[in-house]
PDB file of N, CA and C in Angstrom:
ATOM      1  N   UNK A   1       0.813  -1.191   0.000  1.00  0.00           N
ATOM      2  CA  UNK A   1       0.000   0.000   0.000  1.00  0.00           C
ATOM      3  C   UNK A   1       0.859   1.259   0.000  1.00  0.00           C
ATOM      4  N   UNK A   2       1.901   1.280   0.830  1.00  0.00           N
ATOM      5  CA  UNK A   2       2.773   2.448   0.887  1.00  0.00           C
ATOM      6  C   UNK A   2       3.592   2.612  -0.384  1.00  0.00           C
ATOM      7  N   UNK A   3       3.794   1.534  -1.130  1.00  0.00           N
ATOM      8  CA  UNK A   3       4.548   1.617  -2.381  1.00  0.00           C
ATOM      9  C   UNK A   3       3.803   2.459  -3.410  1.00  0.00           C
ATOM     10  N   UNK A   4       2.472   2.552  -3.274  1.00  0.00           N
ATOM     11  CA  UNK A   4       1.704   3.391  -4.202  1.00  0.00           C
ATOM     12  C   UNK A   4       1.993   4.872  -4.006  1.00  0.00           C
ATOM     13  N   UNK A   5       2.436   5.242  -2.801  1.00  0.00           N
ATOM     14  CA  UNK A   5       2.706   6.645  -2.501  1.00  0.00           C
ATOM     15  C   UNK A   5       4.143   7.053  -2.792  1.00  0.00           C
ATOM     16  N   UNK A   6       4.992   6.099  -3.195  1.00  0.00           N
ATOM     17  CA  UNK A   6       6.392   6.409  -3.479  1.00  0.00           C
ATOM     18  C   UNK A   6       6.534   7.438  -4.607  1.00  0.00           C
ATOM     19  N   UNK A   7       5.812   7.336  -5.723  1.00  0.00           N
ATOM     20  CA  UNK A   7       5.951   8.374  -6.756  1.00  0.00           C
ATOM     21  C   UNK A   7       5.520   9.757  -6.254  1.00  0.00           C
ATOM     22  N   UNK A   8       4.499   9.811  -5.424  1.00  0.00           N
ATOM     23  CA  UNK A   8       4.060  11.092  -4.873  1.00  0.00           C
ATOM     24  C   UNK A   8       5.141  11.673  -3.967  1.00  0.00           C
ATOM     25  N   UNK A   9       5.733  10.834  -3.138  1.00  0.00           N
ATOM     26  CA  UNK A   9       6.794  11.278  -2.244  1.00  0.00           C
ATOM     27  C   UNK A   9       7.997  11.773  -3.045  1.00  0.00           C
ATOM     28  N   UNK A  10       8.377  11.032  -4.076  1.00  0.00           N
ATOM     29  CA  UNK A  10       9.493  11.466  -4.919  1.00  0.00           C
ATOM     30  C   UNK A  10       9.180  12.786  -5.614  1.00  0.00           C
ATOM     31  N   UNK A  11       7.963  12.960  -6.083  1.00  0.00           N
ATOM     32  CA  UNK A  11       7.555  14.198  -6.732  1.00  0.00           C
ATOM     33  C   UNK A  11       7.647  15.375  -5.757  1.00  0.00           C
ATOM     34  N   UNK A  12       7.153  15.175  -4.534  1.00  0.00           N
ATOM     35  CA  UNK A  12       7.229  16.234  -3.533  1.00  0.00           C
ATOM     36  C   UNK A  12       8.676  16.573  -3.174  1.00  0.00           C
ATOM     37  N   UNK A  13       9.488  15.567  -2.966  1.00  0.00           N
ATOM     38  CA  UNK A  13      10.890  15.814  -2.628  1.00  0.00           C
ATOM     39  C   UNK A  13      11.630  16.505  -3.764  1.00  0.00           C
ATOM     40  N   UNK A  14      11.348  16.111  -5.000  1.00  0.00           N
ATOM     41  CA  UNK A  14      11.973  16.762  -6.150  1.00  0.00           C
ATOM     42  C   UNK A  14      11.543  18.229  -6.239  1.00  0.00           C
ATOM     43  N   UNK A  15      10.260  18.497  -6.039  1.00  0.00           N
ATOM     44  CA  UNK A  15       9.776  19.875  -6.080  1.00  0.00           C
ATOM     45  C   UNK A  15      10.382  20.728  -4.986  1.00  0.00           C
ATOM     46  N   UNK A  16      10.443  20.187  -3.779  1.00  0.00           N
ATOM     47  CA  UNK A  16      11.051  20.920  -2.676  1.00  0.00           C
ATOM     48  C   UNK A  16      12.535  21.147  -2.934  1.00  0.00           C
ATOM     49  N   UNK A  17      13.208  20.148  -3.476  1.00  0.00           N
ATOM     50  CA  UNK A  17      14.634  20.288  -3.785  1.00  0.00           C
ATOM     51  C   UNK A  17      14.899  21.347  -4.838  1.00  0.00           C
ATOM     52  N   UNK A  18      14.114  21.352  -5.918  1.00  0.00           N
ATOM     53  CA  UNK A  18      14.296  22.359  -6.966  1.00  0.00           C
ATOM     54  C   UNK A  18      14.013  23.755  -6.417  1.00  0.00           C
ATOM     55  N   UNK A  19      12.974  23.875  -5.592  1.00  0.00           N
ATOM     56  CA  UNK A  19      12.671  25.170  -4.986  1.00  0.00           C
ATOM     57  C   UNK A  19      13.784  25.647  -4.069  1.00  0.00           C
ATOM     58  N   UNK A  20      14.324  24.745  -3.259  1.00  0.00           N
ATOM     59  CA  UNK A  20      15.411  25.112  -2.347  1.00  0.00           C
ATOM     60  C   UNK A  20      16.657  25.525  -3.111  1.00  0.00           C
ATOM     61  N   UNK A  21      16.981  24.803  -4.186  1.00  0.00           N
ATOM     62  CA  UNK A  21      18.146  25.155  -5.001  1.00  0.00           C
ATOM     63  C   UNK A  21      17.946  26.526  -5.648  1.00  0.00           C
ATOM     64  N   UNK A  22      16.752  26.804  -6.154  1.00  0.00           N
ATOM     65  CA  UNK A  22      16.492  28.099  -6.784  1.00  0.00           C
ATOM     66  C   UNK A  22      16.594  29.233  -5.770  1.00  0.00           C
ATOM     67  N   UNK A  23      16.038  29.036  -4.567  1.00  0.00           N
ATOM     68  CA  UNK A  23      16.140  30.070  -3.538  1.00  0.00           C
ATOM     69  C   UNK A  23      17.586  30.302  -3.110  1.00  0.00           C
ATOM     70  N   UNK A  24      18.332  29.219  -2.939  1.00  0.00           N
ATOM     71  CA  UNK A  24      19.731  29.357  -2.542  1.00  0.00           C
ATOM     72  C   UNK A  24      20.544  30.051  -3.632  1.00  0.00           C
ATOM     73  N   UNK A  25      20.303  29.709  -4.879  1.00  0.00           N
ATOM     74  CA  UNK A  25      21.032  30.348  -5.976  1.00  0.00           C
ATOM     75  C   UNK A  25      20.689  31.836  -6.046  1.00  0.00           C
ATOM     76  N   UNK A  26      19.437  32.174  -5.847  1.00  0.00           N
ATOM     77  CA  UNK A  26      19.063  33.583  -5.847  1.00  0.00           C
ATOM     78  C   UNK A  26      19.698  34.342  -4.699  1.00  0.00           C
ATOM     79  N   UNK A  27      19.786  33.714  -3.546  1.00  0.00           N
ATOM     80  CA  UNK A  27      20.373  34.363  -2.374  1.00  0.00           C
ATOM     81  C   UNK A  27      21.881  34.569  -2.570  1.00  0.00           C
ATOM     82  N   UNK A  28      22.549  33.589  -3.190  1.00  0.00           N
ATOM     83  CA  UNK A  28      24.001  33.662  -3.352  1.00  0.00           C
ATOM     84  C   UNK A  28      24.388  34.561  -4.520  1.00  0.00           C
ATOM     85  N   UNK A  29      23.671  34.482  -5.624  1.00  0.00           N
ATOM     86  CA  UNK A  29      24.085  35.166  -6.845  1.00  0.00           C
ATOM     87  C   UNK A  29      23.494  36.573  -7.021  1.00  0.00           C
ATOM     88  N   UNK A  30      22.553  36.955  -6.188  1.00  0.00           N
ATOM     89  CA  UNK A  30      21.923  38.264  -6.399  1.00  0.00           C
ATOM     90  C   UNK A  30      22.838  39.393  -5.933  1.00  0.00           C
ATOM     91  N   UNK A  31      22.851  40.494  -6.686  1.00  0.00           N
ATOM     92  CA  UNK A  31      23.692  41.632  -6.272  1.00  0.00           C
ATOM     93  C   UNK A  31      23.060  42.355  -5.080  1.00  0.00           C
ATOM     94  N   UNK A  32      23.926  42.858  -4.221  1.00  0.00           N
ATOM     95  CA  UNK A  32      23.450  43.605  -3.053  1.00  0.00           C
ATOM     96  C   UNK A  32      24.063  44.997  -3.104  1.00  0.00           C
ATOM     97  N   UNK A  33      23.366  45.919  -3.743  1.00  0.00           N
ATOM     98  CA  UNK A  33      23.847  47.290  -3.788  1.00  0.00           C
ATOM     99  C   UNK A  33      22.689  48.272  -3.570  1.00  0.00           C
ATOM    100  N   UNK A  34      22.128  48.287  -2.350  1.00  0.00           N
ATOM    101  CA  UNK A  34      21.039  49.234  -2.098  1.00  0.00           C
ATOM    102  C   UNK A  34      21.563  50.664  -2.033  1.00  0.00           C
ATOM    103  N   UNK A  35      20.780  51.590  -2.555  1.00  0.00           N
ATOM    104  CA  UNK A  35      21.086  53.009  -2.443  1.00  0.00           C
ATOM    105  C   UNK A  35      19.770  53.747  -2.219  1.00  0.00           C
ATOM    106  N   UNK A  36      19.815  54.995  -1.815  1.00  0.00           N
ATOM    107  CA  UNK A  36      18.582  55.694  -1.391  1.00  0.00           C
ATOM    108  C   UNK A  36      17.470  55.709  -2.432  1.00  0.00           C
ATOM    109  N   UNK A  37      17.807  55.851  -3.700  1.00  0.00           N
ATOM    110  CA  UNK A  37      16.752  55.865  -4.716  1.00  0.00           C
ATOM    111  C   UNK A  37      16.037  54.518  -4.815  1.00  0.00           C
ATOM    112  N   UNK A  38      16.772  53.450  -4.617  1.00  0.00           N
ATOM    113  CA  UNK A  38      16.159  52.127  -4.654  1.00  0.00           C
ATOM    114  C   UNK A  38      15.257  51.884  -3.455  1.00  0.00           C
ATOM    115  N   UNK A  39      15.631  52.398  -2.319  1.00  0.00           N
ATOM    116  CA  UNK A  39      14.906  52.141  -1.086  1.00  0.00           C
ATOM    117  C   UNK A  39      13.751  53.110  -0.860  1.00  0.00           C
ATOM    118  N   UNK A  40      13.627  54.144  -1.687  1.00  0.00           N
ATOM    119  CA  UNK A  40      12.551  55.121  -1.500  1.00  0.00           C
ATOM    120  C   UNK A  40      11.240  54.575  -2.057  1.00  0.00           C
ATOM    121  N   UNK A  41      10.143  55.125  -1.526  1.00  0.00           N
ATOM    122  CA  UNK A  41       8.836  54.699  -2.031  1.00  0.00           C
ATOM    123  C   UNK A  41       8.607  55.339  -3.394  1.00  0.00           C
ATOM    124  N   UNK A  42       7.816  54.669  -4.230  1.00  0.00           N
ATOM    125  CA  UNK A  42       7.630  55.092  -5.615  1.00  0.00           C
ATOM    126  C   UNK A  42       6.152  55.056  -5.947  1.00  0.00           C
ATOM    127  N   UNK A  43       5.634  56.183  -6.446  1.00  0.00           N
ATOM    128  CA  UNK A  43       4.238  56.246  -6.843  1.00  0.00           C
ATOM    129  C   UNK A  43       4.149  56.852  -8.235  1.00  0.00           C
ATOM    130  N   UNK A  44       4.146  56.047  -9.246  1.00  0.00           N
ATOM    131  CA  UNK A  44       3.920  56.488 -10.626  1.00  0.00           C
ATOM    132  C   UNK A  44       4.851  57.619 -11.051  1.00  0.00           C
ATOM    133  N   UNK A  45       6.076  57.610 -10.645  1.00  0.00           N
ATOM    134  CA  UNK A  45       7.021  58.624 -11.069  1.00  0.00           C
ATOM    135  C   UNK A  45       7.028  59.865 -10.210  1.00  0.00           C
ATOM    136  N   UNK A  46       6.140  59.962  -9.248  1.00  0.00           N
ATOM    137  CA  UNK A  46       6.083  61.124  -8.369  1.00  0.00           C
ATOM    138  C   UNK A  46       6.651  60.768  -7.002  1.00  0.00           C
ATOM    139  N   UNK A  47       7.057  61.794  -6.275  1.00  0.00           N
ATOM    140  CA  UNK A  47       7.421  61.576  -4.885  1.00  0.00           C
ATOM    141  C   UNK A  47       6.153  61.212  -4.113  1.00  0.00           C
ATOM    142  N   UNK A  48       6.289  60.449  -3.082  1.00  0.00           N
ATOM    143  CA  UNK A  48       5.128  60.036  -2.290  1.00  0.00           C
ATOM    144  C   UNK A  48       4.498  61.262  -1.639  1.00  0.00           C
ATOM    145  N   UNK A  49       3.170  61.384  -1.776  1.00  0.00           N
ATOM    146  CA  UNK A  49       2.465  62.530  -1.206  1.00  0.00           C
ATOM    147  C   UNK A  49       2.338  62.407   0.310  1.00  0.00           C
ATOM    148  N   UNK A  50       2.040  61.216   0.763  1.00  0.00           N
ATOM    149  CA  UNK A  50       1.814  60.973   2.188  1.00  0.00           C
ATOM    150  C   UNK A  50       2.601  59.740   2.599  1.00  0.00           C
ATOM    151  N   UNK A  51       2.325  59.311   3.805  1.00  0.00           N
ATOM    152  CA  UNK A  51       2.939  58.094   4.305  1.00  0.00           C
ATOM    153  C   UNK A  51       2.457  56.915   3.448  1.00  0.00           C
ATOM    154  N   UNK A  52       3.337  56.021   3.110  1.00  0.00           N
ATOM    155  CA  UNK A  52       2.967  54.882   2.268  1.00  0.00           C
ATOM    156  C   UNK A  52       2.064  53.905   2.987  1.00  0.00           C
ATOM    157  N   UNK A  53       1.941  54.025   4.287  1.00  0.00           N
ATOM    158  CA  UNK A  53       1.088  53.126   5.055  1.00  0.00           C
ATOM    159  C   UNK A  53      -0.247  53.773   5.403  1.00  0.00           C
ATOM    160  N   UNK A  54      -0.707  54.704   4.572  1.00  0.00           N
ATOM    161  CA  UNK A  54      -1.973  55.374   4.860  1.00  0.00           C
ATOM    162  C   UNK A  54      -3.126  54.396   4.689  1.00  0.00           C
ATOM    163  N   UNK A  55      -4.220  54.676   5.376  1.00  0.00           N
ATOM    164  CA  UNK A  55      -5.374  53.787   5.336  1.00  0.00           C
ATOM    165  C   UNK A  55      -6.223  54.108   4.113  1.00  0.00           C
ATOM    166  N   UNK A  56      -6.739  53.075   3.485  1.00  0.00           N
ATOM    167  CA  UNK A  56      -7.637  53.237   2.356  1.00  0.00           C
ATOM    168  C   UNK A  56      -9.063  53.383   2.855  1.00  0.00           C
ATOM    169  N   UNK A  57      -9.863  54.053   2.056  1.00  0.00           N
ATOM    170  CA  UNK A  57     -11.276  54.173   2.373  1.00  0.00           C
ATOM    171  C   UNK A  57     -11.920  52.793   2.283  1.00  0.00           C
ATOM    172  N   UNK A  58     -12.843  52.514   3.169  1.00  0.00           N
ATOM    173  CA  UNK A  58     -13.477  51.199   3.226  1.00  0.00           C
ATOM    174  C   UNK A  58     -14.282  50.919   1.959  1.00  0.00           C
ATOM    175  N   UNK A  59     -14.664  51.941   1.217  1.00  0.00           N
ATOM    176  CA  UNK A  59     -15.436  51.719  -0.014  1.00  0.00           C
ATOM    177  C   UNK A  59     -14.649  50.923  -1.048  1.00  0.00           C
ATOM    178  N   UNK A  60     -13.328  51.052  -1.057  1.00  0.00           N
ATOM    179  CA  UNK A  60     -12.524  50.251  -1.982  1.00  0.00           C
ATOM    180  C   UNK A  60     -12.734  48.761  -1.706  1.00  0.00           C
ATOM    181  N   UNK A  61     -12.729  48.412  -0.448  1.00  0.00           N
ATOM    182  CA  UNK A  61     -12.890  47.014  -0.070  1.00  0.00           C
ATOM    183  C   UNK A  61     -14.313  46.533  -0.350  1.00  0.00           C
ATOM    184  N   UNK A  62     -15.298  47.384  -0.099  1.00  0.00           N
ATOM    185  CA  UNK A  62     -16.683  47.004  -0.371  1.00  0.00           C
ATOM    186  C   UNK A  62     -16.904  46.741  -1.851  1.00  0.00           C
ATOM    187  N   UNK A  63     -16.372  47.613  -2.687  1.00  0.00           N
ATOM    188  CA  UNK A  63     -16.522  47.416  -4.133  1.00  0.00           C
ATOM    189  C   UNK A  63     -15.808  46.138  -4.559  1.00  0.00           C
ATOM    190  N   UNK A  64     -14.645  45.877  -4.002  1.00  0.00           N
ATOM    191  CA  UNK A  64     -13.910  44.651  -4.351  1.00  0.00           C
ATOM    192  C   UNK A  64     -14.689  43.410  -3.938  1.00  0.00           C
ATOM    193  N   UNK A  65     -15.271  43.426  -2.747  1.00  0.00           N
ATOM    194  CA  UNK A  65     -16.043  42.274  -2.281  1.00  0.00           C
ATOM    195  C   UNK A  65     -17.280  42.080  -3.142  1.00  0.00           C
ATOM    196  N   UNK A  66     -17.960  43.180  -3.486  1.00  0.00           N
ATOM    197  CA  UNK A  66     -19.140  43.072  -4.347  1.00  0.00           C
ATOM    198  C   UNK A  66     -18.762  42.523  -5.717  1.00  0.00           C
ATOM    199  N   UNK A  67     -17.632  42.970  -6.253  1.00  0.00           N
ATOM    200  CA  UNK A  67     -17.187  42.455  -7.541  1.00  0.00           C
ATOM    201  C   UNK A  67     -16.933  40.954  -7.474  1.00  0.00           C
ATOM    202  N   UNK A  68     -16.283  40.505  -6.430  1.00  0.00           N
ATOM    203  CA  UNK A  68     -15.989  39.075  -6.300  1.00  0.00           C
ATOM    204  C   UNK A  68     -17.278  38.270  -6.195  1.00  0.00           C
ATOM    205  N   UNK A  69     -18.218  38.768  -5.392  1.00  0.00           N
ATOM    206  CA  UNK A  69     -19.480  38.041  -5.217  1.00  0.00           C
ATOM    207  C   UNK A  69     -20.214  37.898  -6.545  1.00  0.00           C
ATOM    208  N   UNK A  70     -20.360  39.004  -7.270  1.00  0.00           N
ATOM    209  CA  UNK A  70     -21.130  38.951  -8.501  1.00  0.00           C
ATOM    210  C   UNK A  70     -20.326  38.362  -9.659  1.00  0.00           C
ATOM    211  N   UNK A  71     -19.012  38.329  -9.541  1.00  0.00           N
ATOM    212  CA  UNK A  71     -18.196  37.686 -10.559  1.00  0.00           C
ATOM    213  C   UNK A  71     -18.282  36.166 -10.429  1.00  0.00           C
ATOM    214  N   UNK A  72     -18.460  35.666  -9.225  1.00  0.00           N
ATOM    215  CA  UNK A  72     -18.598  34.226  -9.032  1.00  0.00           C
ATOM    216  C   UNK A  72     -19.868  33.690  -9.679  1.00  0.00           C
ATOM    217  N   UNK A  73     -20.843  34.560  -9.838  1.00  0.00           N
ATOM    218  CA  UNK A  73     -22.071  34.151 -10.523  1.00  0.00           C
ATOM    219  C   UNK A  73     -21.748  33.633 -11.925  1.00  0.00           C
ATOM    220  N   UNK A  74     -20.879  34.320 -12.624  1.00  0.00           N
ATOM    221  CA  UNK A  74     -20.513  33.904 -13.980  1.00  0.00           C
ATOM    222  C   UNK A  74     -19.774  32.567 -13.943  1.00  0.00           C
ATOM    223  N   UNK A  75     -18.968  32.353 -12.915  1.00  0.00           N
ATOM    224  CA  UNK A  75     -18.240  31.085 -12.805  1.00  0.00           C
ATOM    225  C   UNK A  75     -19.191  29.907 -12.641  1.00  0.00           C
ATOM    226  N   UNK A  76     -20.374  30.142 -12.067  1.00  0.00           N
ATOM    227  CA  UNK A  76     -21.360  29.072 -11.927  1.00  0.00           C
ATOM    228  C   UNK A  76     -22.271  28.968 -13.157  1.00  0.00           C
ATOM    229  N   UNK A  77     -22.430  30.060 -13.886  1.00  0.00           N
ATOM    230  CA  UNK A  77     -23.346  30.038 -15.029  1.00  0.00           C
ATOM    231  C   UNK A  77     -22.807  29.252 -16.220  1.00  0.00           C
ATOM    232  N   UNK A  78     -21.516  29.319 -16.488  1.00  0.00           N
ATOM    233  CA  UNK A  78     -20.970  28.626 -17.653  1.00  0.00           C
ATOM    234  C   UNK A  78     -21.104  27.098 -17.549  1.00  0.00           C
ATOM    235  N   UNK A  79     -20.670  26.475 -16.453  1.00  0.00           N
ATOM    236  CA  UNK A  79     -20.862  25.018 -16.368  1.00  0.00           C
ATOM    237  C   UNK A  79     -22.337  24.631 -16.366  1.00  0.00           C
ATOM    238  N   UNK A  80     -23.166  25.443 -15.733  1.00  0.00           N
ATOM    239  CA  UNK A  80     -24.604  25.178 -15.704  1.00  0.00           C
ATOM    240  C   UNK A  80     -25.181  25.205 -17.119  1.00  0.00           C
ATOM    241  N   UNK A  81     -24.770  26.181 -17.915  1.00  0.00           N
ATOM    242  CA  UNK A  81     -25.290  26.290 -19.275  1.00  0.00           C
ATOM    243  C   UNK A  81     -24.853  25.112 -20.141  1.00  0.00           C
ATOM    244  N   UNK A  82     -23.680  24.568 -19.868  1.00  0.00           N
ATOM    245  CA  UNK A  82     -23.185  23.447 -20.669  1.00  0.00           C
ATOM    246  C   UNK A  82     -23.985  22.175 -20.389  1.00  0.00           C
ATOM    247  N   UNK A  83     -24.354  21.944 -19.147  1.00  0.00           N
ATOM    248  CA  UNK A  83     -25.047  20.701 -18.788  1.00  0.00           C
ATOM    249  C   UNK A  83     -26.546  20.899 -18.585  1.00  0.00           C
ATOM    250  N   UNK A  84     -27.098  21.984 -19.080  1.00  0.00           N
ATOM    251  CA  UNK A  84     -28.515  22.274 -18.851  1.00  0.00           C
ATOM    252  C   UNK A  84     -29.421  21.190 -19.415  1.00  0.00           C
ATOM    253  N   UNK A  85     -29.087  20.614 -20.562  1.00  0.00           N
ATOM    254  CA  UNK A  85     -29.905  19.556 -21.145  1.00  0.00           C
ATOM    255  C   UNK A  85     -29.925  18.310 -20.268  1.00  0.00           C
ATOM    256  N   UNK A  86     -28.840  18.050 -19.585  1.00  0.00           N
ATOM    257  CA  UNK A  86     -28.728  16.833 -18.776  1.00  0.00           C
ATOM    258  C   UNK A  86     -29.385  16.970 -17.402  1.00  0.00           C
ATOM    259  N   UNK A  87     -29.406  18.165 -16.832  1.00  0.00           N
ATOM    260  CA  UNK A  87     -29.923  18.309 -15.468  1.00  0.00           C
ATOM    261  C   UNK A  87     -31.412  18.621 -15.430  1.00  0.00           C
ATOM    262  N   UNK A  88     -31.962  19.015 -16.530  1.00  0.00           N
ATOM    263  CA  UNK A  88     -33.412  19.160 -16.642  1.00  0.00           C
ATOM    264  C   UNK A  88     -34.003  20.324 -15.866  1.00  0.00           C
ATOM    265  N   UNK A  89     -35.283  20.159 -15.537  1.00  0.00           N
ATOM    266  CA  UNK A  89     -36.049  21.232 -14.892  1.00  0.00           C
ATOM    267  C   UNK A  89     -35.543  21.494 -13.475  1.00  0.00           C
ATOM    268  N   UNK A  90     -35.141  20.460 -12.761  1.00  0.00           N
ATOM    269  CA  UNK A  90     -34.643  20.654 -11.398  1.00  0.00           C
ATOM    270  C   UNK A  90     -33.398  21.536 -11.391  1.00  0.00           C
ATOM    271  N   UNK A  91     -32.473  21.278 -12.295  1.00  0.00           N
ATOM    272  CA  UNK A  91     -31.260  22.102 -12.388  1.00  0.00           C
ATOM    273  C   UNK A  91     -31.580  23.524 -12.793  1.00  0.00           C
ATOM    274  N   UNK A  92     -32.555  23.684 -13.693  1.00  0.00           N
ATOM    275  CA  UNK A  92     -32.961  25.021 -14.112  1.00  0.00           C
ATOM    276  C   UNK A  92     -33.550  25.797 -12.940  1.00  0.00           C
ATOM    277  N   UNK A  93     -34.416  25.155 -12.179  1.00  0.00           N
ATOM    278  CA  UNK A  93     -35.040  25.832 -11.040  1.00  0.00           C
ATOM    279  C   UNK A  93     -34.015  26.141  -9.939  1.00  0.00           C
ATOM    280  N   UNK A  94     -33.059  25.256  -9.730  1.00  0.00           N
ATOM    281  CA  UNK A  94     -32.013  25.503  -8.736  1.00  0.00           C
ATOM    282  C   UNK A  94     -31.197  26.731  -9.117  1.00  0.00           C
ATOM    283  N   UNK A  95     -30.879  26.870 -10.401  1.00  0.00           N
ATOM    284  CA  UNK A  95     -30.116  28.043 -10.840  1.00  0.00           C
ATOM    285  C   UNK A  95     -30.968  29.307 -10.751  1.00  0.00           C
ATOM    286  N   UNK A  96     -32.255  29.205 -11.001  1.00  0.00           N
ATOM    287  CA  UNK A  96     -33.111  30.383 -10.877  1.00  0.00           C
ATOM    288  C   UNK A  96     -33.194  30.847  -9.421  1.00  0.00           C
ATOM    289  N   UNK A  97     -33.212  29.910  -8.479  1.00  0.00           N
ATOM    290  CA  UNK A  97     -33.184  30.281  -7.055  1.00  0.00           C
ATOM    291  C   UNK A  97     -31.859  30.956  -6.721  1.00  0.00           C
ATOM    292  N   UNK A  98     -30.772  30.416  -7.231  1.00  0.00           N
ATOM    293  CA  UNK A  98     -29.449  31.004  -7.013  1.00  0.00           C
ATOM    294  C   UNK A  98     -29.395  32.427  -7.568  1.00  0.00           C
ATOM    295  N   UNK A  99     -29.893  32.614  -8.791  1.00  0.00           N
ATOM    296  CA  UNK A  99     -29.891  33.946  -9.399  1.00  0.00           C
ATOM    297  C   UNK A  99     -30.819  34.899  -8.649  1.00  0.00           C
ATOM    298  N   UNK A 100     -31.929  34.404  -8.153  1.00  0.00           N
ATOM    299  CA  UNK A 100     -32.844  35.245  -7.380  1.00  0.00           C
ATOM    300  C   UNK A 100     -32.174  35.742  -6.107  1.00  0.00           C
ATOM    301  N   UNK A 101     -31.437  34.874  -5.446  1.00  0.00           N
ATOM    302  CA  UNK A 101     -30.714  35.276  -4.229  1.00  0.00           C
ATOM    303  C   UNK A 101     -29.685  36.348  -4.569  1.00  0.00           C
ATOM    304  N   UNK A 102     -28.978  36.179  -5.683  1.00  0.00           N
ATOM    305  CA  UNK A 102     -27.997  37.182  -6.082  1.00  0.00           C
ATOM    306  C   UNK A 102     -28.663  38.504  -6.452  1.00  0.00           C
ATOM    307  N   UNK A 103     -29.803  38.456  -7.113  1.00  0.00           N
ATOM    308  CA  UNK A 103     -30.503  39.684  -7.478  1.00  0.00           C
ATOM    309  C   UNK A 103     -31.003  40.394  -6.231  1.00  0.00           C
ATOM    310  N   UNK A 104     -31.515  39.653  -5.264  1.00  0.00           N
ATOM    311  CA  UNK A 104     -31.955  40.265  -4.010  1.00  0.00           C
ATOM    312  C   UNK A 104     -30.768  40.934  -3.312  1.00  0.00           C
ATOM    313  N   UNK A 105     -29.616  40.291  -3.301  1.00  0.00           N
ATOM    314  CA  UNK A 105     -28.417  40.893  -2.715  1.00  0.00           C
ATOM    315  C   UNK A 105     -27.980  42.135  -3.457  1.00  0.00           C
ATOM    316  N   UNK A 106     -28.080  42.092  -4.786  1.00  0.00           N
ATOM    317  CA  UNK A 106     -27.714  43.249  -5.600  1.00  0.00           C
ATOM    318  C   UNK A 106     -28.644  44.423  -5.336  1.00  0.00           C
ATOM    319  N   UNK A 107     -29.937  44.170  -5.273  1.00  0.00           N
ATOM    320  CA  UNK A 107     -30.905  45.237  -4.999  1.00  0.00           C
ATOM    321  C   UNK A 107     -30.679  45.806  -3.601  1.00  0.00           C
ATOM    322  N   UNK A 108     -30.393  44.947  -2.646  1.00  0.00           N
ATOM    323  CA  UNK A 108     -30.119  45.409  -1.284  1.00  0.00           C
ATOM    324  C   UNK A 108     -28.910  46.349  -1.259  1.00  0.00           C
ATOM    325  N   UNK A 109     -27.835  45.944  -1.934  1.00  0.00           N
ATOM    326  CA  UNK A 109     -26.642  46.788  -1.987  1.00  0.00           C
ATOM    327  C   UNK A 109     -26.920  48.094  -2.713  1.00  0.00           C
ATOM    328  N   UNK A 110     -27.725  48.044  -3.741  1.00  0.00           N
ATOM    329  CA  UNK A 110     -28.091  49.235  -4.497  1.00  0.00           C
ATOM    330  C   UNK A 110     -28.882  50.199  -3.615  1.00  0.00           C
ATOM    331  N   UNK A 111     -29.844  49.665  -2.871  1.00  0.00           N
ATOM    332  CA  UNK A 111     -30.666  50.507  -2.004  1.00  0.00           C
ATOM    333  C   UNK A 111     -29.851  51.084  -0.834  1.00  0.00           C
ATOM    334  N   UNK A 112     -28.875  50.360  -0.368  1.00  0.00           N
ATOM    335  CA  UNK A 112     -28.041  50.845   0.730  1.00  0.00           C
ATOM    336  C   UNK A 112     -27.032  51.901   0.255  1.00  0.00           C
ATOM    337  N   UNK A 113     -26.844  52.035  -1.061  1.00  0.00           N
ATOM    338  CA  UNK A 113     -25.936  53.033  -1.608  1.00  0.00           C
ATOM    339  C   UNK A 113     -24.504  52.561  -1.714  1.00  0.00           C
ATOM    340  N   UNK A 114     -24.274  51.254  -1.633  1.00  0.00           N
ATOM    341  CA  UNK A 114     -22.906  50.746  -1.708  1.00  0.00           C
ATOM    342  C   UNK A 114     -22.334  50.855  -3.122  1.00  0.00           C
ATOM    343  N   UNK A 115     -23.177  51.017  -4.125  1.00  0.00           N
ATOM    344  CA  UNK A 115     -22.699  51.094  -5.501  1.00  0.00           C
ATOM    345  C   UNK A 115     -22.469  52.523  -5.959  1.00  0.00           C
ATOM    346  N   UNK A 116     -22.782  53.496  -5.114  1.00  0.00           N
ATOM    347  CA  UNK A 116     -22.585  54.898  -5.480  1.00  0.00           C
ATOM    348  C   UNK A 116     -21.216  55.358  -5.003  1.00  0.00           C
ATOM    349  N   UNK A 117     -20.530  56.071  -5.872  1.00  0.00           N
ATOM    350  CA  UNK A 117     -19.206  56.559  -5.568  1.00  0.00           C
ATOM    351  C   UNK A 117     -19.237  58.075  -5.541  1.00  0.00           C
ATOM    352  N   UNK A 118     -18.674  58.655  -4.510  1.00  0.00           N
ATOM    353  CA  UNK A 118     -18.695  60.121  -4.369  1.00  0.00           C
ATOM    354  C   UNK A 118     -17.397  60.731  -4.803  1.00  0.00           C
TER     355      UNK A 118
END
């Protein structure tokens, strides 16, 4: 039984070995010549206006989360559309419930003003 796992073990050890060799080679062969221009913060060719660790407005995160949520809808729609003939009416109704839940969430976010940018 354990002999079946020998190729997996060899694959893992080979991958770890190649990674370790690459990291060691990068550490040994990389040039080390830091100077002030290299170590300074960089913003599109301009000097930094404020501290580089400034806090972002929470709306950036809200928009990103909303994008991810509604983008996942498309990830579920493509496989569903491919097998729609095979899953029949039950699969169609299940997807309609899923889409209804997403539409209710979208309307809720719209009414709360999360999609408006000032």
